[in-house]
C-alpha atoms as a PDB file:
ATOM      1  CA  UNK A   1      18.622  13.540  30.608  1.00  0.00           C
ATOM      2  CA  UNK A   2      18.859  15.786  27.532  1.00  0.00           C
ATOM      3  CA  UNK A   3      17.329  19.077  28.690  1.00  0.00           C
ATOM      4  CA  UNK A   4      16.277  21.966  26.455  1.00  0.00           C
ATOM      5  CA  UNK A   5      16.508  25.300  28.285  1.00  0.00           C
ATOM      6  CA  UNK A   6      15.088  28.588  27.020  1.00  0.00           C
ATOM      7  CA  UNK A   7      16.591  31.752  28.462  1.00  0.00           C
ATOM      8  CA  UNK A   8      19.734  29.695  28.981  1.00  0.00           C
ATOM      9  CA  UNK A   9      22.185  32.617  29.124  1.00  0.00           C
ATOM     10  CA  UNK A  10      19.980  35.042  31.060  1.00  0.00           C
ATOM     11  CA  UNK A  11      19.988  35.705  34.784  1.00  0.00           C
ATOM     12  CA  UNK A  12      18.375  32.423  35.858  1.00  0.00           C
ATOM     13  CA  UNK A  13      19.763  30.419  32.970  1.00  0.00           C
ATOM     14  CA  UNK A  14      23.325  31.344  33.915  1.00  0.00           C
ATOM     15  CA  UNK A  15      22.790  29.433  37.164  1.00  0.00           C
ATOM     16  CA  UNK A  16      20.376  26.730  35.968  1.00  0.00           C
ATOM     17  CA  UNK A  17      22.622  25.465  33.152  1.00  0.00           C
ATOM     18  CA  UNK A  18      25.657  24.791  35.427  1.00  0.00           C
ATOM     19  CA  UNK A  19      23.327  23.248  38.023  1.00  0.00           C
ATOM     20  CA  UNK A  20      22.047  20.783  35.423  1.00  0.00           C
ATOM     21  CA  UNK A  21      25.501  20.002  34.066  1.00  0.00           C
ATOM     22  CA  UNK A  22      26.902  19.301  37.530  1.00  0.00           C
ATOM     23  CA  UNK A  23      24.061  16.833  38.064  1.00  0.00           C
ATOM     24  CA  UNK A  24      25.067  14.946  34.907  1.00  0.00           C
ATOM     25  CA  UNK A  25      22.412  16.211  32.506  1.00  0.00           C
ATOM     26  CA  UNK A  26      23.078  17.113  28.892  1.00  0.00           C
ATOM     27  CA  UNK A  27      21.942  20.681  28.206  1.00  0.00           C
ATOM     28  CA  UNK A  28      20.832  22.290  24.962  1.00  0.00           C
ATOM     29  CA  UNK A  29      20.334  26.012  25.453  1.00  0.00           C
ATOM     30  CA  UNK A  30      18.416  28.434  23.262  1.00  0.00           C
ATOM     31  CA  UNK A  31      20.855  31.089  21.997  1.00  0.00           C
ATOM     32  CA  UNK A  32      19.852  34.305  20.249  1.00  0.00           C
ATOM     33  CA  UNK A  33      23.391  35.350  19.296  1.00  0.00           C
ATOM     34  CA  UNK A  34      26.879  34.060  18.574  1.00  0.00           C
ATOM     35  CA  UNK A  35      27.987  35.419  21.953  1.00  0.00           C
ATOM     36  CA  UNK A  36      25.256  33.491  23.760  1.00  0.00           C
ATOM     37  CA  UNK A  37      26.087  30.323  21.842  1.00  0.00           C
ATOM     38  CA  UNK A  38      29.772  30.702  22.739  1.00  0.00           C
ATOM     39  CA  UNK A  39      28.902  31.209  26.413  1.00  0.00           C
ATOM     40  CA  UNK A  40      26.871  28.001  26.459  1.00  0.00           C
ATOM     41  CA  UNK A  41      29.539  25.989  24.699  1.00  0.00           C
ATOM     42  CA  UNK A  42      32.225  27.303  27.062  1.00  0.00           C
ATOM     43  CA  UNK A  43      30.106  26.091  29.989  1.00  0.00           C
ATOM     44  CA  UNK A  44      29.875  22.599  28.492  1.00  0.00           C
ATOM     45  CA  UNK A  45      26.364  22.853  27.018  1.00  0.00           C
ATOM     46  CA  UNK A  46      25.195  22.780  23.408  1.00  0.00           C
ATOM     47  CA  UNK A  47      23.620  25.782  21.716  1.00  0.00           C
ATOM     48  CA  UNK A  48      20.518  25.803  19.568  1.00  0.00           C
ATOM     49  CA  UNK A  49      20.265  29.071  17.646  1.00  0.00           C
ATOM     50  CA  UNK A  50      16.859  30.727  17.782  1.00  0.00           C
ATOM     51  CA  UNK A  51      14.692  32.871  20.002  1.00  0.00           C
ATOM     52  CA  UNK A  52      11.372  32.993  21.822  1.00  0.00           C
ATOM     53  CA  UNK A  53       9.543  33.947  18.613  1.00  0.00           C
ATOM     54  CA  UNK A  54      10.754  30.932  16.604  1.00  0.00           C
ATOM     55  CA  UNK A  55       7.780  28.755  17.476  1.00  0.00           C
ATOM     56  CA  UNK A  56       8.634  25.993  15.028  1.00  0.00           C
ATOM     57  CA  UNK A  57      12.123  25.835  16.504  1.00  0.00           C
ATOM     58  CA  UNK A  58      10.778  25.636  20.057  1.00  0.00           C
ATOM     59  CA  UNK A  59       8.408  22.851  19.040  1.00  0.00           C
ATOM     60  CA  UNK A  60      11.203  20.888  17.361  1.00  0.00           C
ATOM     61  CA  UNK A  61      13.572  21.337  20.312  1.00  0.00           C
ATOM     62  CA  UNK A  62      10.925  20.004  22.694  1.00  0.00           C
ATOM     63  CA  UNK A  63      10.438  16.926  20.489  1.00  0.00           C
ATOM     64  CA  UNK A  64      14.183  16.207  20.593  1.00  0.00           C
ATOM     65  CA  UNK A  65      14.611  16.757  24.353  1.00  0.00           C
ATOM     66  CA  UNK A  66      13.963  14.475  27.313  1.00  0.00           C
ATOM     67  CA  UNK A  67      12.724  17.452  29.301  1.00  0.00           C
ATOM     68  CA  UNK A  68      12.296  21.227  29.026  1.00  0.00           C
ATOM     69  CA  UNK A  69      12.917  24.158  31.379  1.00  0.00           C
ATOM     70  CA  UNK A  70      11.299  27.354  30.099  1.00  0.00           C
ATOM     71  CA  UNK A  71      12.945  30.472  31.545  1.00  0.00           C
ATOM     72  CA  UNK A  72      12.790  32.964  28.670  1.00  0.00           C
ATOM     73  CA  UNK A  73      10.496  35.996  28.745  1.00  0.00           C
ATOM     74  CA  UNK A  74      10.289  39.077  26.546  1.00  0.00           C
ATOM     75  CA  UNK A  75      11.750  41.446  29.139  1.00  0.00           C
ATOM     76  CA  UNK A  76      12.536  44.039  26.474  1.00  0.00           C
ATOM     77  CA  UNK A  77       8.829  44.504  25.746  1.00  0.00           C
ATOM     78  CA  UNK A  78       7.985  44.561  29.464  1.00  0.00           C
ATOM     79  CA  UNK A  79      10.541  47.252  30.284  1.00  0.00           C
ATOM     80  CA  UNK A  80       9.380  49.258  27.272  1.00  0.00           C
ATOM     81  CA  UNK A  81       5.874  49.261  28.753  1.00  0.00           C
ATOM     82  CA  UNK A  82       4.283  46.666  26.473  1.00  0.00           C
ATOM     83  CA  UNK A  83       3.578  44.040  29.118  1.00  0.00           C
ATOM     84  CA  UNK A  84       0.642  42.727  27.100  1.00  0.00           C
ATOM     85  CA  UNK A  85       2.949  41.761  24.228  1.00  0.00           C
ATOM     86  CA  UNK A  86       5.460  40.159  26.603  1.00  0.00           C
ATOM     87  CA  UNK A  87       2.698  38.049  28.136  1.00  0.00           C
ATOM     88  CA  UNK A  88       1.303  37.054  24.738  1.00  0.00           C
ATOM     89  CA  UNK A  89       4.754  36.035  23.488  1.00  0.00           C
ATOM     90  CA  UNK A  90       5.279  33.848  26.552  1.00  0.00           C
ATOM     91  CA  UNK A  91       1.918  32.140  26.133  1.00  0.00           C
ATOM     92  CA  UNK A  92       2.670  31.406  22.458  1.00  0.00           C
ATOM     93  CA  UNK A  93       6.057  29.929  23.380  1.00  0.00           C
ATOM     94  CA  UNK A  94       4.516  27.655  26.027  1.00  0.00           C
ATOM     95  CA  UNK A  95       1.946  26.414  23.521  1.00  0.00           C
ATOM     96  CA  UNK A  96       4.681  25.601  21.005  1.00  0.00           C
ATOM     97  CA  UNK A  97       6.716  23.698  23.607  1.00  0.00           C
ATOM     98  CA  UNK A  98       3.584  21.840  24.709  1.00  0.00           C
ATOM     99  CA  UNK A  99       2.906  20.811  21.106  1.00  0.00           C
ATOM    100  CA  UNK A 100       6.412  19.405  20.894  1.00  0.00           C
ATOM    101  CA  UNK A 101       6.108  17.442  24.122  1.00  0.00           C
ATOM    102  CA  UNK A 102       2.728  15.982  23.187  1.00  0.00           C
ATOM    103  CA  UNK A 103       1.704  13.166  25.539  1.00  0.00           C
ATOM    104  CA  UNK A 104       5.270  11.908  25.974  1.00  0.00           C
ATOM    105  CA  UNK A 105       5.384  11.878  29.790  1.00  0.00           C
ATOM    106  CA  UNK A 106       8.445  14.146  29.658  1.00  0.00           C
ATOM    107  CA  UNK A 107       8.921  16.845  32.314  1.00  0.00           C
ATOM    108  CA  UNK A 108       8.272  20.516  31.580  1.00  0.00           C
ATOM    109  CA  UNK A 109       9.207  23.163  34.145  1.00  0.00           C
ATOM    110  CA  UNK A 110       7.585  26.527  33.430  1.00  0.00           C
ATOM    111  CA  UNK A 111       8.084  29.907  35.063  1.00  0.00           C
ATOM    112  CA  UNK A 112       5.621  32.272  36.695  1.00  0.00           C
ATOM    113  CA  UNK A 113       5.781  34.706  39.600  1.00  0.00           C
ATOM    114  CA  UNK A 114       4.486  35.006  43.141  1.00  0.00           C
ATOM    115  CA  UNK A 115       3.261  38.529  42.357  1.00  0.00           C
ATOM    116  CA  UNK A 116       0.467  36.874  40.371  1.00  0.00           C
ATOM    117  CA  UNK A 117      -1.000  35.813  43.721  1.00  0.00           C
ATOM    118  CA  UNK A 118      -1.876  39.433  44.445  1.00  0.00           C
ATOM    119  CA  UNK A 119      -4.710  38.972  41.926  1.00  0.00           C
ATOM    120  CA  UNK A 120      -6.281  36.543  44.416  1.00  0.00           C
ATOM    121  CA  UNK A 121      -6.816  39.223  47.074  1.00  0.00           C
ATOM    122  CA  UNK A 122      -5.434  37.052  49.871  1.00  0.00           C
ATOM    123  CA  UNK A 123      -5.371  38.318  53.459  1.00  0.00           C
ATOM    124  CA  UNK A 124      -2.523  35.933  54.374  1.00  0.00           C
ATOM    125  CA  UNK A 125       0.707  34.625  52.935  1.00  0.00           C
ATOM    126  CA  UNK A 126       0.214  32.961  49.565  1.00  0.00           C
ATOM    127  CA  UNK A 127       0.956  29.259  49.260  1.00  0.00           C
ATOM    128  CA  UNK A 128       1.727  26.841  46.464  1.00  0.00           C
ATOM    129  CA  UNK A 129      -1.895  25.655  46.664  1.00  0.00           C
ATOM    130  CA  UNK A 130      -3.304  29.085  45.824  1.00  0.00           C
ATOM    131  CA  UNK A 131      -4.444  29.335  42.211  1.00  0.00           C
ATOM    132  CA  UNK A 132      -5.610  32.343  40.225  1.00  0.00           C
ATOM    133  CA  UNK A 133      -8.083  31.357  37.485  1.00  0.00           C
ATOM    134  CA  UNK A 134      -6.869  33.752  34.798  1.00  0.00           C
ATOM    135  CA  UNK A 135      -4.760  36.803  34.123  1.00  0.00           C
ATOM    136  CA  UNK A 136      -1.454  37.983  32.643  1.00  0.00           C
ATOM    137  CA  UNK A 137       1.203  35.261  33.020  1.00  0.00           C
ATOM    138  CA  UNK A 138      -1.345  33.283  35.052  1.00  0.00           C
ATOM    139  CA  UNK A 139      -2.764  31.913  31.801  1.00  0.00           C
ATOM    140  CA  UNK A 140       0.646  30.484  30.866  1.00  0.00           C
ATOM    141  CA  UNK A 141       1.082  29.047  34.370  1.00  0.00           C
ATOM    142  CA  UNK A 142      -2.308  27.343  34.217  1.00  0.00           C
ATOM    143  CA  UNK A 143      -1.605  26.052  30.708  1.00  0.00           C
ATOM    144  CA  UNK A 144       1.607  24.395  31.918  1.00  0.00           C
ATOM    145  CA  UNK A 145      -0.135  22.810  34.905  1.00  0.00           C
ATOM    146  CA  UNK A 146      -3.020  21.701  32.691  1.00  0.00           C
ATOM    147  CA  UNK A 147      -0.638  19.672  30.549  1.00  0.00           C
ATOM    148  CA  UNK A 148      -0.632  17.051  33.306  1.00  0.00           C
ATOM    149  CA  UNK A 149      -3.989  15.944  31.896  1.00  0.00           C
ATOM    150  CA  UNK A 150      -2.312  15.321  28.523  1.00  0.00           C
ATOM    151  CA  UNK A 151       0.609  13.182  29.643  1.00  0.00           C
ATOM    152  CA  UNK A 152       3.245  15.775  30.536  1.00  0.00           C
ATOM    153  CA  UNK A 153       4.876  15.821  33.996  1.00  0.00           C
ATOM    154  CA  UNK A 154       4.607  19.568  34.233  1.00  0.00           C
ATOM    155  CA  UNK A 155       5.385  21.949  37.073  1.00  0.00           C
ATOM    156  CA  UNK A 156       5.784  25.697  37.508  1.00  0.00           C
ATOM    157  CA  UNK A 157       8.371  27.627  39.495  1.00  0.00           C
ATOM    158  CA  UNK A 158       6.821  30.836  40.780  1.00  0.00           C
ATOM    159  CA  UNK A 159       9.716  33.252  41.136  1.00  0.00           C
ATOM    160  CA  UNK A 160       9.545  35.995  43.767  1.00  0.00           C
ATOM    161  CA  UNK A 161       9.771  39.610  42.559  1.00  0.00           C
ATOM    162  CA  UNK A 162      13.373  39.693  43.791  1.00  0.00           C
ATOM    163  CA  UNK A 163      15.757  36.944  42.693  1.00  0.00           C
ATOM    164  CA  UNK A 164      19.110  38.235  43.897  1.00  0.00           C
ATOM    165  CA  UNK A 165      22.805  37.430  43.500  1.00  0.00           C
ATOM    166  CA  UNK A 166      25.817  38.546  41.499  1.00  0.00           C
ATOM    167  CA  UNK A 167      24.000  37.124  38.447  1.00  0.00           C
ATOM    168  CA  UNK A 168      21.277  39.782  38.803  1.00  0.00           C
ATOM    169  CA  UNK A 169      22.044  42.668  36.461  1.00  0.00           C
ATOM    170  CA  UNK A 170      18.608  43.882  35.328  1.00  0.00           C
ATOM    171  CA  UNK A 171      16.062  42.796  37.960  1.00  0.00           C
ATOM    172  CA  UNK A 172      14.096  44.794  40.497  1.00  0.00           C
ATOM    173  CA  UNK A 173      17.097  45.456  42.769  1.00  0.00           C
ATOM    174  CA  UNK A 174      19.461  46.835  40.085  1.00  0.00           C
ATOM    175  CA  UNK A 175      16.532  48.903  38.810  1.00  0.00           C
ATOM    176  CA  UNK A 176      15.798  50.365  42.257  1.00  0.00           C
ATOM    177  CA  UNK A 177      19.490  51.100  42.759  1.00  0.00           C
ATOM    178  CA  UNK A 178      19.640  52.841  39.389  1.00  0.00           C
ATOM    179  CA  UNK A 179      16.571  54.922  40.238  1.00  0.00           C
ATOM    180  CA  UNK A 180      18.031  55.883  43.633  1.00  0.00           C
ATOM    181  CA  UNK A 181      21.295  56.952  42.011  1.00  0.00           C
ATOM    182  CA  UNK A 182      19.519  58.988  39.329  1.00  0.00           C
ATOM    183  CA  UNK A 183      16.947  60.609  41.638  1.00  0.00           C
ATOM    184  CA  UNK A 184      19.201  61.051  44.680  1.00  0.00           C
ATOM    185  CA  UNK A 185      16.672  59.338  46.932  1.00  0.00           C
ATOM    186  CA  UNK A 186      15.868  55.713  47.780  1.00  0.00           C
ATOM    187  CA  UNK A 187      12.104  55.606  47.812  1.00  0.00           C
ATOM    188  CA  UNK A 188       9.133  53.540  48.857  1.00  0.00           C
ATOM    189  CA  UNK A 189       5.363  54.160  48.819  1.00  0.00           C
ATOM    190  CA  UNK A 190       3.154  54.937  51.822  1.00  0.00           C
ATOM    191  CA  UNK A 191       4.736  53.599  54.993  1.00  0.00           C
ATOM    192  CA  UNK A 192       6.655  50.971  53.000  1.00  0.00           C
ATOM    193  CA  UNK A 193       5.247  48.099  55.044  1.00  0.00           C
ATOM    194  CA  UNK A 194       4.146  46.128  51.971  1.00  0.00           C
ATOM    195  CA  UNK A 195       6.277  43.010  51.619  1.00  0.00           C
ATOM    196  CA  UNK A 196       8.179  41.325  48.814  1.00  0.00           C
ATOM    197  CA  UNK A 197       9.400  37.730  49.005  1.00  0.00           C
ATOM    198  CA  UNK A 198      12.908  37.074  47.722  1.00  0.00           C
ATOM    199  CA  UNK A 199      15.162  34.180  46.790  1.00  0.00           C
ATOM    200  CA  UNK A 200      18.810  33.682  45.873  1.00  0.00           C
ATOM    201  CA  UNK A 201      19.533  32.817  42.237  1.00  0.00           C
ATOM    202  CA  UNK A 202      21.478  29.670  43.162  1.00  0.00           C
ATOM    203  CA  UNK A 203      18.684  28.428  45.413  1.00  0.00           C
ATOM    204  CA  UNK A 204      16.185  29.004  42.599  1.00  0.00           C
ATOM    205  CA  UNK A 205      18.420  27.113  40.160  1.00  0.00           C
ATOM    206  CA  UNK A 206      18.449  24.152  42.534  1.00  0.00           C
ATOM    207  CA  UNK A 207      14.653  24.171  42.658  1.00  0.00           C
ATOM    208  CA  UNK A 208      14.434  24.158  38.855  1.00  0.00           C
ATOM    209  CA  UNK A 209      16.716  21.126  38.696  1.00  0.00           C
ATOM    210  CA  UNK A 210      14.797  19.250  41.398  1.00  0.00           C
ATOM    211  CA  UNK A 211      11.513  20.115  39.675  1.00  0.00           C
ATOM    212  CA  UNK A 212      12.814  18.650  36.427  1.00  0.00           C
ATOM    213  CA  UNK A 213      13.973  15.479  38.140  1.00  0.00           C
ATOM    214  CA  UNK A 214      11.232  14.714  40.611  1.00  0.00           C
ATOM    215  CA  UNK A 215       8.477  17.287  41.102  1.00  0.00           C
ATOM    216  CA  UNK A 216       5.050  15.610  41.125  1.00  0.00           C
ATOM    217  CA  UNK A 217       2.960  16.452  38.076  1.00  0.00           C
ATOM    218  CA  UNK A 218       0.998  19.650  38.602  1.00  0.00           C
ATOM    219  CA  UNK A 219       3.325  21.131  41.234  1.00  0.00           C
ATOM    220  CA  UNK A 220       3.583  24.858  41.830  1.00  0.00           C
ATOM    221  CA  UNK A 221       6.863  25.692  43.566  1.00  0.00           C
ATOM    222  CA  UNK A 222       8.203  28.711  45.473  1.00  0.00           C
ATOM    223  CA  UNK A 223      12.034  29.035  45.623  1.00  0.00           C
ATOM    224  CA  UNK A 224      12.084  31.520  48.511  1.00  0.00           C
ATOM    225  CA  UNK A 225      14.595  32.340  51.211  1.00  0.00           C
ATOM    226  CA  UNK A 226      12.732  35.426  52.459  1.00  0.00           C
ATOM    227  CA  UNK A 227       8.957  35.088  52.645  1.00  0.00           C
ATOM    228  CA  UNK A 228       8.271  38.819  52.928  1.00  0.00           C
ATOM    229  CA  UNK A 229      10.619  41.791  53.422  1.00  0.00           C
ATOM    230  CA  UNK A 230       9.054  45.256  53.873  1.00  0.00           C
ATOM    231  CA  UNK A 231       9.887  47.364  50.833  1.00  0.00           C
ATOM    232  CA  UNK A 232      10.908  50.158  53.181  1.00  0.00           C
ATOM    233  CA  UNK A 233      13.717  47.937  54.545  1.00  0.00           C
ATOM    234  CA  UNK A 234      14.930  47.276  51.019  1.00  0.00           C
ATOM    235  CA  UNK A 235      14.931  51.014  50.318  1.00  0.00           C
ATOM    236  CA  UNK A 236      16.824  51.635  53.577  1.00  0.00           C
ATOM    237  CA  UNK A 237      19.512  49.092  52.661  1.00  0.00           C
ATOM    238  CA  UNK A 238      19.946  50.738  49.253  1.00  0.00           C
ATOM    239  CA  UNK A 239      20.004  54.207  50.814  1.00  0.00           C
ATOM    240  CA  UNK A 240      22.750  53.209  53.269  1.00  0.00           C
ATOM    241  CA  UNK A 241      24.961  51.799  50.537  1.00  0.00           C
ATOM    242  CA  UNK A 242      24.481  54.817  48.245  1.00  0.00           C
ATOM    243  CA  UNK A 243      24.468  57.365  51.071  1.00  0.00           C
ATOM    244  CA  UNK A 244      21.247  58.958  49.816  1.00  0.00           C
ATOM    245  CA  UNK A 245      18.094  59.904  51.751  1.00  0.00           C
ATOM    246  CA  UNK A 246      15.369  57.302  52.226  1.00  0.00           C
ATOM    247  CA  UNK A 247      11.825  58.619  52.072  1.00  0.00           C
ATOM    248  CA  UNK A 248       8.297  57.907  50.830  1.00  0.00           C
ATOM    249  CA  UNK A 249       7.420  58.979  47.311  1.00  0.00           C
ATOM    250  CA  UNK A 250       4.151  60.959  47.019  1.00  0.00           C
ATOM    251  CA  UNK A 251       1.324  59.070  45.347  1.00  0.00           C
ATOM    252  CA  UNK A 252       1.189  61.475  42.398  1.00  0.00           C
ATOM    253  CA  UNK A 253       4.912  60.929  41.711  1.00  0.00           C
ATOM    254  CA  UNK A 254       5.060  57.137  41.929  1.00  0.00           C
ATOM    255  CA  UNK A 255       4.775  56.552  38.175  1.00  0.00           C
ATOM    256  CA  UNK A 256       7.374  59.150  37.226  1.00  0.00           C
ATOM    257  CA  UNK A 257       9.747  58.043  39.991  1.00  0.00           C
ATOM    258  CA  UNK A 258       9.622  54.253  39.611  1.00  0.00           C
ATOM    259  CA  UNK A 259       8.770  53.880  35.914  1.00  0.00           C
ATOM    260  CA  UNK A 260       7.821  50.309  34.970  1.00  0.00           C
ATOM    261  CA  UNK A 261       8.146  49.267  38.638  1.00  0.00           C
ATOM    262  CA  UNK A 262       5.377  51.656  39.707  1.00  0.00           C
ATOM    263  CA  UNK A 263       2.758  48.902  39.691  1.00  0.00           C
ATOM    264  CA  UNK A 264       4.883  46.433  41.657  1.00  0.00           C
ATOM    265  CA  UNK A 265       6.360  48.732  44.277  1.00  0.00           C
ATOM    266  CA  UNK A 266       3.013  49.068  46.076  1.00  0.00           C
ATOM    267  CA  UNK A 267       2.134  45.359  46.121  1.00  0.00           C
ATOM    268  CA  UNK A 268       2.018  43.304  49.314  1.00  0.00           C
ATOM    269  CA  UNK A 269       3.087  39.754  48.436  1.00  0.00           C
ATOM    270  CA  UNK A 270       4.035  37.698  51.509  1.00  0.00           C
ATOM    271  CA  UNK A 271       4.506  34.136  50.289  1.00  0.00           C
ATOM    272  CA  UNK A 272       5.205  30.778  51.904  1.00  0.00           C
ATOM    273  CA  UNK A 273       7.655  28.181  50.586  1.00  0.00           C
ATOM    274  CA  UNK A 274       6.834  25.454  53.109  1.00  0.00           C
ATOM    275  CA  UNK A 275       5.211  23.049  50.647  1.00  0.00           C
ATOM    276  CA  UNK A 276       8.104  23.430  48.208  1.00  0.00           C
ATOM    277  CA  UNK A 277      10.572  22.545  50.945  1.00  0.00           C
ATOM    278  CA  UNK A 278       8.575  19.453  51.822  1.00  0.00           C
ATOM    279  CA  UNK A 279       7.852  18.302  48.271  1.00  0.00           C
ATOM    280  CA  UNK A 280      11.451  18.578  47.046  1.00  0.00           C
ATOM    281  CA  UNK A 281      13.313  18.025  50.343  1.00  0.00           C
ATOM    282  CA  UNK A 282      14.877  21.422  49.674  1.00  0.00           C
ATOM    283  CA  UNK A 283      15.887  24.425  51.744  1.00  0.00           C
ATOM    284  CA  UNK A 284      17.705  27.660  50.881  1.00  0.00           C
ATOM    285  CA  UNK A 285      21.465  27.505  51.284  1.00  0.00           C
ATOM    286  CA  UNK A 286      22.480  31.033  50.307  1.00  0.00           C
ATOM    287  CA  UNK A 287      22.199  34.526  51.884  1.00  0.00           C
ATOM    288  CA  UNK A 288      18.890  36.333  52.200  1.00  0.00           C
ATOM    289  CA  UNK A 289      18.276  39.590  50.349  1.00  0.00           C
ATOM    290  CA  UNK A 290      19.259  42.083  53.057  1.00  0.00           C
ATOM    291  CA  UNK A 291      22.474  40.186  53.789  1.00  0.00           C
ATOM    292  CA  UNK A 292      23.217  39.996  50.063  1.00  0.00           C
ATOM    293  CA  UNK A 293      22.751  43.767  49.707  1.00  0.00           C
ATOM    294  CA  UNK A 294      25.297  44.348  52.474  1.00  0.00           C
ATOM    295  CA  UNK A 295      27.910  42.306  50.593  1.00  0.00           C
ATOM    296  CA  UNK A 296      28.254  45.181  48.152  1.00  0.00           C
ATOM    297  CA  UNK A 297      28.327  43.479  44.751  1.00  0.00           C
ATOM    298  CA  UNK A 298      25.181  45.334  43.630  1.00  0.00           C
ATOM    299  CA  UNK A 299      26.959  48.667  44.166  1.00  0.00           C
ATOM    300  CA  UNK A 300      30.294  48.095  42.424  1.00  0.00           C
END
């Protein structure tokens, strides 16, 4: 299958592209720079120059492909505090890809996040069957799933807030480590009992590939190894490795301490992956988050 991948040289893309190539697929990756194009070509993929904002290019690439995996997101805008722009850019990109796919029956694998389930106000672990009607990033997720009614075999991978591995250079864990180093304290909020699910990058890459190949139309998928780790335990693991104190951050200091993570660090997001395991005949094969933190690569 000729697969067009956005975000092909980012954190997830760096694992998804080799996963696809090993399975015998031809990969065309979106590349914003000469360096990204060279990285793709060295891996055995082809590069298509462009970016998330080149909507005509995205549309054309989708027409030419046998399937699409959409990983790219405007993380620069998100980190800068303009989450609204990042969300709008993602929604525009999904619409362009959808236009290119038309009613072809081709697969499209989109990306969302389990944190979106906190909008649903659940009093239990979220599942793949839980749906939020609208909201930031949720609108793009629902658009992708809705394409099943127009002849696209679409699915969405809901990533946990922590996708961890040696590929992870800018996610929540490197950010928390950087904050702990800068502030001299590894912090959490309240009693730190709120939970984050987590998954290994390589396990997530496997789910993306299986989704492309065989996920039933309309599937929402959770590539999780850990269904809910208390944030306090994450802070404790970071504190041990950095040899800094671990303590709660006062409510009036959360924004200044955690920056763009201030909204996420208080969220309780236990999430199940049982239906994903059953639907794809998949299970995690790589270390969980706390074990991965003890391996030391995040602290080199």
